[in-house]
Amino acid sequence: MPGALRDDRVDVGLVQDYDVVPRAVSQGIQSVPLLEEAVHLASCGRAPRTVADVRDEPWILAGPGTLCRAAAEHLCRAAGYEPVARHVVDDFGTVLALVASGQGVAIVPQLGALDVPSQVRLDPVGTTRRTRVAHRAGAGRRPEVRAFTDVARAVAAELGRP
């Protein structure tokens, strides 16, 4: 997204990072915080689990080079191991369905876990995913950028309500 902003292909967009995989905003790009969400370990079973507890489990990981993949790998490395991918999936609904069917464990942010199958347990991993509205420097005063930002803030506020 930052490249598309810099290259003038889009006026405004959403950028994300995780506190364990921070992403610096590119030069010439401004961003404003939109929302923060907890990140969870998705697994089958009833007992609470940590990333360290599932070192011998197969993983359902996002595609190589993605931020979600980098966050999962970072969390596993911090627990002393490399995750072994059984499946590579970039859709959280599919990830949760695979977890529910016993195909592995995964890292899922709160907004990716809005419709959780009953077989899936979510345990917080102590990590946060952040979403920001980004635009080229100085474009924040443009009506279309302001309108997008206002709508995004309203949606984020609604999502943050129980």
Protein backbone atom coordinates (compact mmCIF):
# COMPACT_ATOMS: atom_id res chain seq x y z
CA MET A 1 0.00 0.00 0.00
CA PRO A 2 2.71 2.58 0.75
CA GLY A 3 4.09 2.07 -2.77
CA ALA A 4 0.67 2.68 -4.31
CA LEU A 5 0.34 5.86 -2.23
CA ARG A 6 3.80 7.10 -3.21
CA ASP A 7 3.18 6.29 -6.89
CA ASP A 8 -0.12 8.20 -6.84
CA ARG A 9 -2.15 5.08 -7.71
CA VAL A 10 -4.37 5.51 -4.62
CA ASP A 11 -5.20 8.52 -2.49
CA VAL A 12 -5.75 6.80 0.84
CA GLY A 13 -5.58 3.31 2.28
CA LEU A 14 -5.21 1.15 5.36
CA VAL A 15 -1.83 -0.05 6.60
CA GLN A 16 -1.24 -2.56 9.35
CA ASP A 17 1.54 -3.77 11.56
CA TYR A 18 1.99 -5.87 14.66
CA ASP A 19 3.82 -4.71 17.74
CA VAL A 20 6.17 -7.68 17.23
CA VAL A 21 6.64 -6.77 13.54
CA PRO A 22 6.54 -2.96 13.41
CA ARG A 23 6.40 -1.32 10.02
CA ALA A 24 7.78 2.19 9.63
CA VAL A 25 5.68 4.58 7.59
CA SER A 26 7.47 5.42 4.34
CA GLN A 27 8.88 8.86 3.75
CA GLY A 28 6.24 11.12 2.25
CA ILE A 29 3.40 9.09 3.78
CA GLN A 30 1.41 10.19 6.82
CA SER A 31 -0.78 7.92 8.89
CA VAL A 32 -3.28 8.25 11.70
CA PRO A 33 -4.14 5.45 14.15
CA LEU A 34 -7.45 3.75 13.50
CA LEU A 35 -7.69 0.69 15.75
CA GLU A 36 -5.75 -1.86 17.75
CA GLU A 37 -6.81 -5.45 18.17
CA ALA A 38 -5.64 -8.38 20.23
CA VAL A 39 -4.00 -11.34 18.52
CA HIS A 40 -4.89 -14.91 19.50
CA LEU A 41 -3.59 -18.44 19.20
CA ALA A 42 -6.35 -20.49 17.57
CA SER A 43 -6.32 -24.17 18.51
CA CYS A 44 -8.64 -27.08 19.25
CA GLY A 45 -9.30 -28.10 22.82
CA ARG A 46 -10.58 -26.67 26.03
CA ALA A 47 -7.41 -25.95 28.03
CA PRO A 48 -5.63 -22.60 27.60
CA ARG A 49 -2.52 -22.83 25.44
CA THR A 50 0.43 -20.61 24.64
CA VAL A 51 2.58 -20.42 21.54
CA ALA A 52 5.25 -22.35 23.48
CA ASP A 53 2.72 -25.13 24.23
CA VAL A 54 2.11 -25.85 20.54
CA ARG A 55 5.69 -26.23 19.37
CA ASP A 56 5.02 -29.78 18.11
CA GLU A 57 1.75 -28.91 16.36
CA PRO A 58 1.46 -28.27 12.61
CA TRP A 59 0.77 -24.64 11.73
CA ILE A 60 -1.63 -22.90 9.39
CA LEU A 61 0.37 -19.90 8.24
CA ALA A 62 -0.30 -16.96 5.95
CA GLY A 63 1.59 -16.75 2.68
CA PRO A 64 5.32 -16.04 2.58
CA GLY A 65 6.20 -12.36 2.76
CA THR A 66 2.97 -11.36 4.49
CA LEU A 67 2.79 -9.43 7.72
CA CYS A 68 0.63 -12.13 9.34
CA ARG A 69 3.22 -14.77 8.48
CA ALA A 70 6.04 -12.63 9.89
CA ALA A 71 4.12 -12.11 13.14
CA ALA A 72 3.45 -15.86 13.57
CA GLU A 73 7.08 -16.72 12.83
CA HIS A 74 8.30 -14.06 15.27
CA LEU A 75 6.06 -15.39 18.05
CA CYS A 76 7.23 -18.97 17.47
CA ARG A 77 10.90 -17.96 17.37
CA ALA A 78 10.43 -16.03 20.62
CA ALA A 79 9.11 -19.32 22.07
CA GLY A 80 12.23 -21.13 20.82
CA TYR A 81 11.19 -22.86 17.60
CA GLU A 82 10.31 -22.51 13.92
CA PRO A 83 6.69 -23.21 12.99
CA VAL A 84 6.12 -26.08 10.54
CA ALA A 85 3.44 -25.16 8.00
CA ARG A 86 0.87 -27.81 7.14
CA HIS A 87 -1.27 -25.30 5.25
CA VAL A 88 -0.65 -21.84 3.80
CA VAL A 89 -3.84 -19.77 3.80
CA ASP A 90 -4.50 -16.03 3.59
CA ASP A 91 -8.18 -16.05 4.62
CA PHE A 92 -8.98 -16.10 8.34
CA GLY A 93 -12.34 -17.85 7.86
CA THR A 94 -10.57 -20.71 6.10
CA VAL A 95 -7.84 -20.70 8.75
CA LEU A 96 -10.42 -21.10 11.52
CA ALA A 97 -12.20 -23.89 9.60
CA LEU A 98 -8.89 -25.75 9.27
CA VAL A 99 -8.15 -25.27 12.97
CA ALA A 100 -11.66 -26.55 13.81
CA SER A 101 -11.02 -29.68 11.75
CA GLY A 102 -7.79 -30.40 13.65
CA GLN A 103 -5.43 -29.47 10.83
CA GLY A 104 -3.18 -27.27 12.96
CA VAL A 105 -2.90 -24.10 14.99
CA ALA A 106 -2.73 -20.49 13.85
CA ILE A 107 -2.32 -16.89 14.90
CA VAL A 108 -5.49 -14.86 14.29
CA PRO A 109 -6.16 -11.17 15.02
CA GLN A 110 -9.45 -10.26 16.69
CA LEU A 111 -11.10 -8.99 13.49
CA GLY A 112 -10.20 -12.27 11.79
CA ALA A 113 -12.04 -14.14 14.53
CA LEU A 114 -15.51 -12.68 14.36
CA ASP A 115 -17.18 -16.02 13.49
CA VAL A 116 -15.30 -18.69 15.45
CA PRO A 117 -16.32 -22.36 15.11
CA SER A 118 -17.29 -23.95 18.42
CA GLN A 119 -14.33 -26.36 18.26
CA VAL A 120 -11.81 -23.49 18.19
CA ARG A 121 -10.32 -21.98 21.32
CA LEU A 122 -8.75 -18.52 21.16
CA ASP A 123 -6.03 -17.66 23.65
CA PRO A 124 -4.44 -14.19 23.69
CA VAL A 125 -0.75 -14.15 22.84
CA GLY A 126 0.01 -10.70 24.26
CA THR A 127 0.48 -9.12 20.83
CA THR A 128 -1.44 -6.35 19.11
CA ARG A 129 -2.22 -5.70 15.45
CA ARG A 130 -2.57 -2.01 14.61
CA THR A 131 -4.42 -0.51 11.66
CA ARG A 132 -3.84 3.05 10.46
CA VAL A 133 -5.28 5.23 7.73
CA ALA A 134 -2.44 6.31 5.45
CA HIS A 135 -2.18 8.99 2.76
CA ARG A 136 0.48 11.05 1.04
CA ALA A 137 1.88 13.86 3.16
CA GLY A 138 -0.42 16.87 3.02
CA ALA A 139 -3.35 14.97 1.47
CA GLY A 140 -5.19 14.72 4.79
CA ARG A 141 -6.97 17.98 4.04
CA ARG A 142 -8.46 16.71 0.77
CA PRO A 143 -12.23 16.10 1.06
CA GLU A 144 -12.09 12.52 -0.23
CA VAL A 145 -9.29 11.60 2.19
CA ARG A 146 -11.14 13.25 5.09
CA ALA A 147 -14.35 11.42 4.12
CA PHE A 148 -12.58 8.05 3.98
CA THR A 149 -10.89 8.69 7.32
CA ASP A 150 -14.17 9.71 8.95
CA VAL A 151 -15.97 6.59 7.69
CA ALA A 152 -13.07 4.34 8.70
CA ARG A 153 -13.08 5.84 12.21
CA ALA A 154 -16.85 5.32 12.52
CA VAL A 155 -16.55 1.68 11.44
CA ALA A 156 -13.61 1.11 13.80
CA ALA A 157 -15.58 2.63 16.68
CA GLU A 158 -18.52 0.33 15.89
CA LEU A 159 -16.23 -2.73 15.75
CA GLY A 160 -14.78 -1.79 19.11
CA ARG A 161 -18.16 -1.99 20.83
CA PRO A 162 -19.16 -5.23 22.58
